[in-house]
Amino acid sequence: MMKAMAHPIRMKIIDILSRDGEQCVSDLTEALGVSQPTVSKHLSIMRGVGLLGFVKEGLQVTYHIRTPCIAELFRCLDTILLEDLEKRRTQLSKETEGSS
């Protein structure tokens, strides 16, 4: 499951779905700026591991995140990465001041 989320396009799909809710393939294609077959391939992979659910109405298929805790996982990772970035900036600033 983590491997399925690791691709940049798939991470963007999860971000869009967690932020904007249910989306159809054409909306995701437009938001991502990649081809429809590419989006469909990534959706299929995520659906296959249970990350996404879908509803088919006629020809239109809309996708959603099956478990909202996935969005919380991404928020947690964002927090960790931002804290680490700030820590590195502070350390770099101290090193820069020390060498002057």
PDB file of N, CA and C in Angstrom:
ATOM      1  N   MET A   1       0.830  -1.192   0.000  1.00  0.00           N
ATOM      2  CA  MET A   1       0.000   0.000   0.000  1.00  0.00           C
ATOM      3  C   MET A   1       0.870   1.250   0.000  1.00  0.00           C
ATOM      4  N   MET A   2       1.910   1.255   0.831  1.00  0.00           N
ATOM      5  CA  MET A   2       2.798   2.419   0.868  1.00  0.00           C
ATOM      6  C   MET A   2       3.507   2.595  -0.466  1.00  0.00           C
ATOM      7  N   LYS A   3       3.867   1.490  -1.085  1.00  0.00           N
ATOM      8  CA  LYS A   3       4.517   1.553  -2.390  1.00  0.00           C
ATOM      9  C   LYS A   3       3.568   2.165  -3.423  1.00  0.00           C
ATOM     10  N   ALA A   4       2.291   1.819  -3.324  1.00  0.00           N
ATOM     11  CA  ALA A   4       1.303   2.358  -4.266  1.00  0.00           C
ATOM     12  C   ALA A   4       1.124   3.857  -4.085  1.00  0.00           C
ATOM     13  N   MET A   5       1.341   4.370  -2.876  1.00  0.00           N
ATOM     14  CA  MET A   5       1.188   5.799  -2.628  1.00  0.00           C
ATOM     15  C   MET A   5       2.447   6.586  -2.961  1.00  0.00           C
ATOM     16  N   ALA A   6       3.563   5.893  -3.152  1.00  0.00           N
ATOM     17  CA  ALA A   6       4.862   6.563  -3.258  1.00  0.00           C
ATOM     18  C   ALA A   6       5.083   7.340  -4.556  1.00  0.00           C
ATOM     19  N   HIS A   7       4.327   7.089  -5.584  1.00  0.00           N
ATOM     20  CA  HIS A   7       4.519   7.775  -6.865  1.00  0.00           C
ATOM     21  C   HIS A   7       3.997   9.217  -6.760  1.00  0.00           C
ATOM     22  N   PRO A   8       4.720  10.191  -7.325  1.00  0.00           N
ATOM     23  CA  PRO A   8       4.293  11.598  -7.229  1.00  0.00           C
ATOM     24  C   PRO A   8       2.881  11.870  -7.755  1.00  0.00           C
ATOM     25  N   ILE A   9       2.503  11.249  -8.860  1.00  0.00           N
ATOM     26  CA  ILE A   9       1.154  11.469  -9.393  1.00  0.00           C
ATOM     27  C   ILE A   9       0.117  10.899  -8.434  1.00  0.00           C
ATOM     28  N   ARG A  10       0.401   9.735  -7.871  1.00  0.00           N
ATOM     29  CA  ARG A  10      -0.552   9.131  -6.932  1.00  0.00           C
ATOM     30  C   ARG A  10      -0.667   9.961  -5.659  1.00  0.00           C
ATOM     31  N   MET A  11       0.433  10.529  -5.238  1.00  0.00           N
ATOM     32  CA  MET A  11       0.381  11.406  -4.064  1.00  0.00           C
ATOM     33  C   MET A  11      -0.487  12.631  -4.357  1.00  0.00           C
ATOM     34  N   LYS A  12      -0.367  13.171  -5.570  1.00  0.00           N
ATOM     35  CA  LYS A  12      -1.197  14.316  -5.951  1.00  0.00           C
ATOM     36  C   LYS A  12      -2.672  13.929  -6.019  1.00  0.00           C
ATOM     37  N   ILE A  13      -2.955  12.735  -6.521  1.00  0.00           N
ATOM     38  CA  ILE A  13      -4.345  12.259  -6.580  1.00  0.00           C
ATOM     39  C   ILE A  13      -4.927  12.175  -5.171  1.00  0.00           C
ATOM     40  N   ILE A  14      -4.167  11.612  -4.250  1.00  0.00           N
ATOM     41  CA  ILE A  14      -4.637  11.511  -2.864  1.00  0.00           C
ATOM     42  C   ILE A  14      -4.855  12.901  -2.283  1.00  0.00           C
ATOM     43  N   ASP A  15      -3.948  13.816  -2.577  1.00  0.00           N
ATOM     44  CA  ASP A  15      -4.093  15.185  -2.088  1.00  0.00           C
ATOM     45  C   ASP A  15      -5.373  15.825  -2.627  1.00  0.00           C
ATOM     46  N   ILE A  16      -5.611  15.685  -3.912  1.00  0.00           N
ATOM     47  CA  ILE A  16      -6.805  16.265  -4.535  1.00  0.00           C
ATOM     48  C   ILE A  16      -8.075  15.660  -3.938  1.00  0.00           C
ATOM     49  N   LEU A  17      -8.103  14.338  -3.834  1.00  0.00           N
ATOM     50  CA  LEU A  17      -9.293  13.675  -3.311  1.00  0.00           C
ATOM     51  C   LEU A  17      -9.538  13.996  -1.839  1.00  0.00           C
ATOM     52  N   SER A  18      -8.472  14.127  -1.072  1.00  0.00           N
ATOM     53  CA  SER A  18      -8.656  14.446   0.350  1.00  0.00           C
ATOM     54  C   SER A  18      -9.079  15.904   0.539  1.00  0.00           C
ATOM     55  N   ARG A  19      -8.626  16.767  -0.341  1.00  0.00           N
ATOM     56  CA  ARG A  19      -8.954  18.194  -0.244  1.00  0.00           C
ATOM     57  C   ARG A  19     -10.314  18.518  -0.864  1.00  0.00           C
ATOM     58  N   ASP A  20     -10.569  17.965  -2.063  1.00  0.00           N
ATOM     59  CA  ASP A  20     -11.755  18.342  -2.831  1.00  0.00           C
ATOM     60  C   ASP A  20     -12.876  17.303  -2.810  1.00  0.00           C
ATOM     61  N   GLY A  21     -12.602  16.131  -2.269  1.00  0.00           N
ATOM     62  CA  GLY A  21     -13.616  15.077  -2.251  1.00  0.00           C
ATOM     63  C   GLY A  21     -13.668  14.315  -3.563  1.00  0.00           C
ATOM     64  N   GLU A  22     -14.743  13.595  -3.737  1.00  0.00           N
ATOM     65  CA  GLU A  22     -14.958  12.740  -4.898  1.00  0.00           C
ATOM     66  C   GLU A  22     -14.678  13.464  -6.207  1.00  0.00           C
ATOM     67  N   GLN A  23     -13.972  12.793  -7.125  1.00  0.00           N
ATOM     68  CA  GLN A  23     -13.625  13.390  -8.421  1.00  0.00           C
ATOM     69  C   GLN A  23     -13.772  12.347  -9.524  1.00  0.00           C
ATOM     70  N   CYS A  24     -14.163  12.800 -10.696  1.00  0.00           N
ATOM     71  CA  CYS A  24     -14.201  11.900 -11.849  1.00  0.00           C
ATOM     72  C   CYS A  24     -12.836  11.930 -12.541  1.00  0.00           C
ATOM     73  N   VAL A  25     -12.618  10.973 -13.410  1.00  0.00           N
ATOM     74  CA  VAL A  25     -11.334  10.844 -14.100  1.00  0.00           C
ATOM     75  C   VAL A  25     -10.997  12.105 -14.887  1.00  0.00           C
ATOM     76  N   SER A  26     -11.973  12.682 -15.573  1.00  0.00           N
ATOM     77  CA  SER A  26     -11.675  13.873 -16.391  1.00  0.00           C
ATOM     78  C   SER A  26     -11.258  15.061 -15.514  1.00  0.00           C
ATOM     79  N   ASP A  27     -11.872  15.210 -14.334  1.00  0.00           N
ATOM     80  CA  ASP A  27     -11.470  16.290 -13.424  1.00  0.00           C
ATOM     81  C   ASP A  27     -10.045  16.075 -12.919  1.00  0.00           C
ATOM     82  N   LEU A  28      -9.721  14.835 -12.592  1.00  0.00           N
ATOM     83  CA  LEU A  28      -8.361  14.530 -12.134  1.00  0.00           C
ATOM     84  C   LEU A  28      -7.347  14.741 -13.261  1.00  0.00           C
ATOM     85  N   THR A  29      -7.730  14.356 -14.478  1.00  0.00           N
ATOM     86  CA  THR A  29      -6.845  14.535 -15.635  1.00  0.00           C
ATOM     87  C   THR A  29      -6.524  16.014 -15.828  1.00  0.00           C
ATOM     88  N   GLU A  30      -7.531  16.835 -15.727  1.00  0.00           N
ATOM     89  CA  GLU A  30      -7.337  18.284 -15.884  1.00  0.00           C
ATOM     90  C   GLU A  30      -6.487  18.850 -14.744  1.00  0.00           C
ATOM     91  N   ALA A  31      -6.778  18.458 -13.524  1.00  0.00           N
ATOM     92  CA  ALA A  31      -6.050  18.975 -12.358  1.00  0.00           C
ATOM     93  C   ALA A  31      -4.583  18.563 -12.368  1.00  0.00           C
ATOM     94  N   LEU A  32      -4.311  17.367 -12.868  1.00  0.00           N
ATOM     95  CA  LEU A  32      -2.936  16.848 -12.858  1.00  0.00           C
ATOM     96  C   LEU A  32      -2.142  17.261 -14.091  1.00  0.00           C
ATOM     97  N   GLY A  33      -2.829  17.575 -15.174  1.00  0.00           N
ATOM     98  CA  GLY A  33      -2.137  17.954 -16.398  1.00  0.00           C
ATOM     99  C   GLY A  33      -1.423  16.799 -17.076  1.00  0.00           C
ATOM    100  N   VAL A  34      -1.965  15.597 -16.916  1.00  0.00           N
ATOM    101  CA  VAL A  34      -1.409  14.412 -17.589  1.00  0.00           C
ATOM    102  C   VAL A  34      -2.530  13.748 -18.381  1.00  0.00           C
ATOM    103  N   SER A  35      -2.177  12.776 -19.189  1.00  0.00           N
ATOM    104  CA  SER A  35      -3.171  12.133 -20.049  1.00  0.00           C
ATOM    105  C   SER A  35      -4.162  11.290 -19.252  1.00  0.00           C
ATOM    106  N   GLN A  36      -5.334  11.086 -19.843  1.00  0.00           N
ATOM    107  CA  GLN A  36      -6.369  10.280 -19.205  1.00  0.00           C
ATOM    108  C   GLN A  36      -5.916   8.835 -18.975  1.00  0.00           C
ATOM    109  N   PRO A  37      -5.225   8.193 -19.948  1.00  0.00           N
ATOM    110  CA  PRO A  37      -4.750   6.832 -19.690  1.00  0.00           C
ATOM    111  C   PRO A  37      -3.768   6.759 -18.513  1.00  0.00           C
ATOM    112  N   THR A  38      -2.946   7.791 -18.353  1.00  0.00           N
ATOM    113  CA  THR A  38      -2.005   7.830 -17.228  1.00  0.00           C
ATOM    114  C   THR A  38      -2.758   7.912 -15.913  1.00  0.00           C
ATOM    115  N   VAL A  39      -3.747   8.795 -15.846  1.00  0.00           N
ATOM    116  CA  VAL A  39      -4.545   8.933 -14.621  1.00  0.00           C
ATOM    117  C   VAL A  39      -5.266   7.624 -14.326  1.00  0.00           C
ATOM    118  N   SER A  40      -5.858   7.018 -15.347  1.00  0.00           N
ATOM    119  CA  SER A  40      -6.586   5.761 -15.156  1.00  0.00           C
ATOM    120  C   SER A  40      -5.676   4.654 -14.640  1.00  0.00           C
ATOM    121  N   LYS A  41      -4.457   4.610 -15.155  1.00  0.00           N
ATOM    122  CA  LYS A  41      -3.492   3.602 -14.698  1.00  0.00           C
ATOM    123  C   LYS A  41      -3.193   3.774 -13.213  1.00  0.00           C
ATOM    124  N   HIS A  42      -2.956   5.005 -12.788  1.00  0.00           N
ATOM    125  CA  HIS A  42      -2.641   5.264 -11.386  1.00  0.00           C
ATOM    126  C   HIS A  42      -3.850   5.002 -10.484  1.00  0.00           C
ATOM    127  N   LEU A  43      -5.031   5.378 -10.948  1.00  0.00           N
ATOM    128  CA  LEU A  43      -6.245   5.105 -10.179  1.00  0.00           C
ATOM    129  C   LEU A  43      -6.449   3.598 -10.006  1.00  0.00           C
ATOM    130  N   SER A  44      -6.190   2.854 -11.063  1.00  0.00           N
ATOM    131  CA  SER A  44      -6.339   1.405 -11.021  1.00  0.00           C
ATOM    132  C   SER A  44      -5.396   0.774  -9.999  1.00  0.00           C
ATOM    133  N   ILE A  45      -4.172   1.251  -9.965  1.00  0.00           N
ATOM    134  CA  ILE A  45      -3.189   0.730  -8.998  1.00  0.00           C
ATOM    135  C   ILE A  45      -3.652   1.010  -7.574  1.00  0.00           C
ATOM    136  N   MET A  46      -4.115   2.227  -7.325  1.00  0.00           N
ATOM    137  CA  MET A  46      -4.549   2.589  -5.969  1.00  0.00           C
ATOM    138  C   MET A  46      -5.844   1.875  -5.584  1.00  0.00           C
ATOM    139  N   ARG A  47      -6.706   1.687  -6.545  1.00  0.00           N
ATOM    140  CA  ARG A  47      -7.940   0.939  -6.294  1.00  0.00           C
ATOM    141  C   ARG A  47      -7.595  -0.520  -5.979  1.00  0.00           C
ATOM    142  N   GLY A  48      -6.610  -1.059  -6.678  1.00  0.00           N
ATOM    143  CA  GLY A  48      -6.203  -2.449  -6.494  1.00  0.00           C
ATOM    144  C   GLY A  48      -5.684  -2.769  -5.108  1.00  0.00           C
ATOM    145  N   VAL A  49      -5.055  -1.806  -4.456  1.00  0.00           N
ATOM    146  CA  VAL A  49      -4.539  -2.036  -3.097  1.00  0.00           C
ATOM    147  C   VAL A  49      -5.505  -1.557  -2.029  1.00  0.00           C
ATOM    148  N   GLY A  50      -6.666  -1.071  -2.444  1.00  0.00           N
ATOM    149  CA  GLY A  50      -7.690  -0.686  -1.484  1.00  0.00           C
ATOM    150  C   GLY A  50      -7.659   0.748  -0.994  1.00  0.00           C
ATOM    151  N   LEU A  51      -6.830   1.593  -1.605  1.00  0.00           N
ATOM    152  CA  LEU A  51      -6.770   2.997  -1.187  1.00  0.00           C
ATOM    153  C   LEU A  51      -7.993   3.789  -1.635  1.00  0.00           C
ATOM    154  N   LEU A  52      -8.483   3.470  -2.832  1.00  0.00           N
ATOM    155  CA  LEU A  52      -9.587   4.226  -3.405  1.00  0.00           C
ATOM    156  C   LEU A  52     -10.814   3.355  -3.618  1.00  0.00           C
ATOM    157  N   GLY A  53     -11.959   4.005  -3.512  1.00  0.00           N
ATOM    158  CA  GLY A  53     -13.209   3.392  -3.898  1.00  0.00           C
ATOM    159  C   GLY A  53     -13.741   4.161  -5.081  1.00  0.00           C
ATOM    160  N   PHE A  54     -14.750   3.607  -5.742  1.00  0.00           N
ATOM    161  CA  PHE A  54     -15.315   4.307  -6.896  1.00  0.00           C
ATOM    162  C   PHE A  54     -16.799   4.013  -7.010  1.00  0.00           C
ATOM    163  N   VAL A  55     -17.473   4.922  -7.674  1.00  0.00           N
ATOM    164  CA  VAL A  55     -18.896   4.771  -7.971  1.00  0.00           C
ATOM    165  C   VAL A  55     -19.066   5.003  -9.461  1.00  0.00           C
ATOM    166  N   LYS A  56     -19.736   4.070 -10.120  1.00  0.00           N
ATOM    167  CA  LYS A  56     -19.959   4.199 -11.558  1.00  0.00           C
ATOM    168  C   LYS A  56     -21.428   4.521 -11.790  1.00  0.00           C
ATOM    169  N   GLU A  57     -21.661   5.640 -12.463  1.00  0.00           N
ATOM    170  CA  GLU A  57     -23.009   6.054 -12.835  1.00  0.00           C
ATOM    171  C   GLU A  57     -23.023   6.272 -14.340  1.00  0.00           C
ATOM    172  N   GLY A  58     -23.595   5.333 -15.056  1.00  0.00           N
ATOM    173  CA  GLY A  58     -23.560   5.403 -16.515  1.00  0.00           C
ATOM    174  C   GLY A  58     -22.137   5.251 -16.990  1.00  0.00           C
ATOM    175  N   LEU A  59     -21.673   6.221 -17.752  1.00  0.00           N
ATOM    176  CA  LEU A  59     -20.294   6.186 -18.242  1.00  0.00           C
ATOM    177  C   LEU A  59     -19.317   6.878 -17.309  1.00  0.00           C
ATOM    178  N   GLN A  60     -19.836   7.618 -16.339  1.00  0.00           N
ATOM    179  CA  GLN A  60     -18.970   8.390 -15.448  1.00  0.00           C
ATOM    180  C   GLN A  60     -18.591   7.585 -14.203  1.00  0.00           C
ATOM    181  N   VAL A  61     -17.293   7.608 -13.899  1.00  0.00           N
ATOM    182  CA  VAL A  61     -16.774   6.939 -12.712  1.00  0.00           C
ATOM    183  C   VAL A  61     -16.155   8.003 -11.813  1.00  0.00           C
ATOM    184  N   THR A  62     -16.584   8.048 -10.575  1.00  0.00           N
ATOM    185  CA  THR A  62     -15.989   8.985  -9.618  1.00  0.00           C
ATOM    186  C   THR A  62     -15.234   8.190  -8.566  1.00  0.00           C
ATOM    187  N   TYR A  63     -14.116   8.753  -8.147  1.00  0.00           N
ATOM    188  CA  TYR A  63     -13.236   8.097  -7.183  1.00  0.00           C
ATOM    189  C   TYR A  63     -13.225   8.862  -5.870  1.00  0.00           C
ATOM    190  N   HIS A  64     -13.012   8.120  -4.793  1.00  0.00           N
ATOM    191  CA  HIS A  64     -12.907   8.714  -3.461  1.00  0.00           C
ATOM    192  C   HIS A  64     -11.907   7.911  -2.643  1.00  0.00           C
ATOM    193  N   ILE A  65     -11.396   8.535  -1.606  1.00  0.00           N
ATOM    194  CA  ILE A  65     -10.487   7.846  -0.689  1.00  0.00           C
ATOM    195  C   ILE A  65     -11.344   6.945   0.194  1.00  0.00           C
ATOM    196  N   ARG A  66     -10.990   5.675   0.270  1.00  0.00           N
ATOM    197  CA  ARG A  66     -11.786   4.720   1.039  1.00  0.00           C
ATOM    198  C   ARG A  66     -11.686   4.961   2.539  1.00  0.00           C
ATOM    199  N   THR A  67     -10.515   5.359   3.000  1.00  0.00           N
ATOM    200  CA  THR A  67     -10.334   5.572   4.437  1.00  0.00           C
ATOM    201  C   THR A  67      -9.765   6.967   4.670  1.00  0.00           C
ATOM    202  N   PRO A  68     -10.522   7.819   5.344  1.00  0.00           N
ATOM    203  CA  PRO A  68     -10.076   9.201   5.570  1.00  0.00           C
ATOM    204  C   PRO A  68      -8.751   9.304   6.342  1.00  0.00           C
ATOM    205  N   CYS A  69      -8.365   8.257   7.040  1.00  0.00           N
ATOM    206  CA  CYS A  69      -7.113   8.328   7.808  1.00  0.00           C
ATOM    207  C   CYS A  69      -5.897   8.495   6.894  1.00  0.00           C
ATOM    208  N   ILE A  70      -6.037   8.165   5.603  1.00  0.00           N
ATOM    209  CA  ILE A  70      -4.931   8.367   4.651  1.00  0.00           C
ATOM    210  C   ILE A  70      -4.577   9.849   4.583  1.00  0.00           C
ATOM    211  N   ALA A  71      -5.587  10.702   4.545  1.00  0.00           N
ATOM    212  CA  ALA A  71      -5.340  12.145   4.503  1.00  0.00           C
ATOM    213  C   ALA A  71      -4.619  12.590   5.768  1.00  0.00           C
ATOM    214  N   GLU A  72      -4.981  12.013   6.905  1.00  0.00           N
ATOM    215  CA  GLU A  72      -4.316  12.349   8.171  1.00  0.00           C
ATOM    216  C   GLU A  72      -2.856  11.903   8.140  1.00  0.00           C
ATOM    217  N   LEU A  73      -2.591  10.764   7.533  1.00  0.00           N
ATOM    218  CA  LEU A  73      -1.214  10.289   7.388  1.00  0.00           C
ATOM    219  C   LEU A  73      -0.390  11.307   6.601  1.00  0.00           C
ATOM    220  N   PHE A  74      -0.943  11.830   5.515  1.00  0.00           N
ATOM    221  CA  PHE A  74      -0.228  12.817   4.715  1.00  0.00           C
ATOM    222  C   PHE A  74      -0.017  14.123   5.486  1.00  0.00           C
ATOM    223  N   ARG A  75      -1.009  14.531   6.265  1.00  0.00           N
ATOM    224  CA  ARG A  75      -0.842  15.735   7.091  1.00  0.00           C
ATOM    225  C   ARG A  75       0.270  15.520   8.114  1.00  0.00           C
ATOM    226  N   CYS A  76       0.319  14.342   8.689  1.00  0.00           N
ATOM    227  CA  CYS A  76       1.364  14.019   9.656  1.00  0.00           C
ATOM    228  C   CYS A  76       2.741  14.057   8.992  1.00  0.00           C
ATOM    229  N   LEU A  77       2.857  13.459   7.820  1.00  0.00           N
ATOM    230  CA  LEU A  77       4.127  13.476   7.102  1.00  0.00           C
ATOM    231  C   LEU A  77       4.539  14.897   6.737  1.00  0.00           C
ATOM    232  N   ASP A  78       3.571  15.726   6.333  1.00  0.00           N
ATOM    233  CA  ASP A  78       3.859  17.136   6.037  1.00  0.00           C
ATOM    234  C   ASP A  78       4.450  17.829   7.260  1.00  0.00           C
ATOM    235  N   THR A  79       3.855  17.606   8.412  1.00  0.00           N
ATOM    236  CA  THR A  79       4.327  18.223   9.656  1.00  0.00           C
ATOM    237  C   THR A  79       5.756  17.800   9.957  1.00  0.00           C
ATOM    238  N   ILE A  80       6.024  16.513   9.846  1.00  0.00           N
ATOM    239  CA  ILE A  80       7.374  15.990  10.108  1.00  0.00           C
ATOM    240  C   ILE A  80       8.378  16.616   9.147  1.00  0.00           C
ATOM    241  N   LEU A  81       8.047  16.655   7.869  1.00  0.00           N
ATOM    242  CA  LEU A  81       8.971  17.203   6.869  1.00  0.00           C
ATOM    243  C   LEU A  81       9.197  18.701   7.058  1.00  0.00           C
ATOM    244  N   LEU A  82       8.139  19.434   7.376  1.00  0.00           N
ATOM    245  CA  LEU A  82       8.294  20.878   7.610  1.00  0.00           C
ATOM    246  C   LEU A  82       9.136  21.165   8.843  1.00  0.00           C
ATOM    247  N   GLU A  83       8.938  20.385   9.901  1.00  0.00           N
ATOM    248  CA  GLU A  83       9.755  20.555  11.105  1.00  0.00           C
ATOM    249  C   GLU A  83      11.216  20.244  10.810  1.00  0.00           C
ATOM    250  N   ASP A  84      11.457  19.196  10.034  1.00  0.00           N
ATOM    251  CA  ASP A  84      12.829  18.837   9.676  1.00  0.00           C
ATOM    252  C   ASP A  84      13.465  19.926   8.816  1.00  0.00           C
ATOM    253  N   LEU A  85      12.696  20.473   7.874  1.00  0.00           N
ATOM    254  CA  LEU A  85      13.202  21.554   7.030  1.00  0.00           C
ATOM    255  C   LEU A  85      13.586  22.764   7.869  1.00  0.00           C
ATOM    256  N   GLU A  86      12.740  23.133   8.803  1.00  0.00           N
ATOM    257  CA  GLU A  86      13.034  24.285   9.670  1.00  0.00           C
ATOM    258  C   GLU A  86      14.279  24.027  10.514  1.00  0.00           C
ATOM    259  N   LYS A  87      14.407  22.825  11.014  1.00  0.00           N
ATOM    260  CA  LYS A  87      15.583  22.453  11.807  1.00  0.00           C
ATOM    261  C   LYS A  87      16.859  22.578  10.959  1.00  0.00           C
ATOM    262  N   ARG A  88      16.797  22.124   9.716  1.00  0.00           N
ATOM    263  CA  ARG A  88      17.952  22.215   8.822  1.00  0.00           C
ATOM    264  C   ARG A  88      18.275  23.667   8.468  1.00  0.00           C
ATOM    265  N   ARG A  89      17.235  24.478   8.267  1.00  0.00           N
ATOM    266  CA  ARG A  89      17.464  25.900   7.981  1.00  0.00           C
ATOM    267  C   ARG A  89      18.147  26.585   9.156  1.00  0.00           C
ATOM    268  N   THR A  90      17.680  26.295  10.353  1.00  0.00           N
ATOM    269  CA  THR A  90      18.276  26.876  11.561  1.00  0.00           C
ATOM    270  C   THR A  90      19.732  26.460  11.687  1.00  0.00           C
ATOM    271  N   GLN A  91      20.016  25.185  11.468  1.00  0.00           N
ATOM    272  CA  GLN A  91      21.381  24.681  11.551  1.00  0.00           C
ATOM    273  C   GLN A  91      22.256  25.328  10.492  1.00  0.00           C
ATOM    274  N   LEU A  92      21.765  25.463   9.280  1.00  0.00           N
ATOM    275  CA  LEU A  92      22.535  26.088   8.204  1.00  0.00           C
ATOM    276  C   LEU A  92      22.813  27.551   8.526  1.00  0.00           C
ATOM    277  N   SER A  93      21.832  28.238   9.071  1.00  0.00           N
ATOM    278  CA  SER A  93      21.995  29.632   9.456  1.00  0.00           C
ATOM    279  C   SER A  93      23.082  29.779  10.519  1.00  0.00           C
ATOM    280  N   LYS A  94      23.093  28.894  11.497  1.00  0.00           N
ATOM    281  CA  LYS A  94      24.106  28.920  12.555  1.00  0.00           C
ATOM    282  C   LYS A  94      25.499  28.660  11.971  1.00  0.00           C
ATOM    283  N   GLU A  95      25.571  27.694  11.047  1.00  0.00           N
ATOM    284  CA  GLU A  95      26.867  27.386  10.424  1.00  0.00           C
ATOM    285  C   GLU A  95      27.358  28.544   9.580  1.00  0.00           C
ATOM    286  N   THR A  96      26.452  29.208   8.868  1.00  0.00           N
ATOM    287  CA  THR A  96      26.797  30.348   8.030  1.00  0.00           C
ATOM    288  C   THR A  96      27.295  31.515   8.889  1.00  0.00           C
ATOM    289  N   GLU A  97      26.605  31.779  10.010  1.00  0.00           N
ATOM    290  CA  GLU A  97      27.003  32.869  10.922  1.00  0.00           C
ATOM    291  C   GLU A  97      28.357  32.572  11.572  1.00  0.00           C
ATOM    292  N   GLY A  98      28.584  31.296  11.872  1.00  0.00           N
ATOM    293  CA  GLY A  98      29.842  30.895  12.521  1.00  0.00           C
ATOM    294  C   GLY A  98      31.053  31.007  11.612  1.00  0.00           C
ATOM    295  N   SER A  99      30.861  30.904  10.315  1.00  0.00           N
ATOM    296  CA  SER A  99      31.983  30.955   9.375  1.00  0.00           C
ATOM    297  C   SER A  99      32.264  32.378   8.895  1.00  0.00           C
ATOM    298  N   SER A 100      31.444  33.331   9.296  1.00  0.00           N
ATOM    299  CA  SER A 100      31.641  34.719   8.846  1.00  0.00           C
ATOM    300  C   SER A 100      32.680  35.432   9.650  1.00  0.00           C
TER     301      SER A 100
END
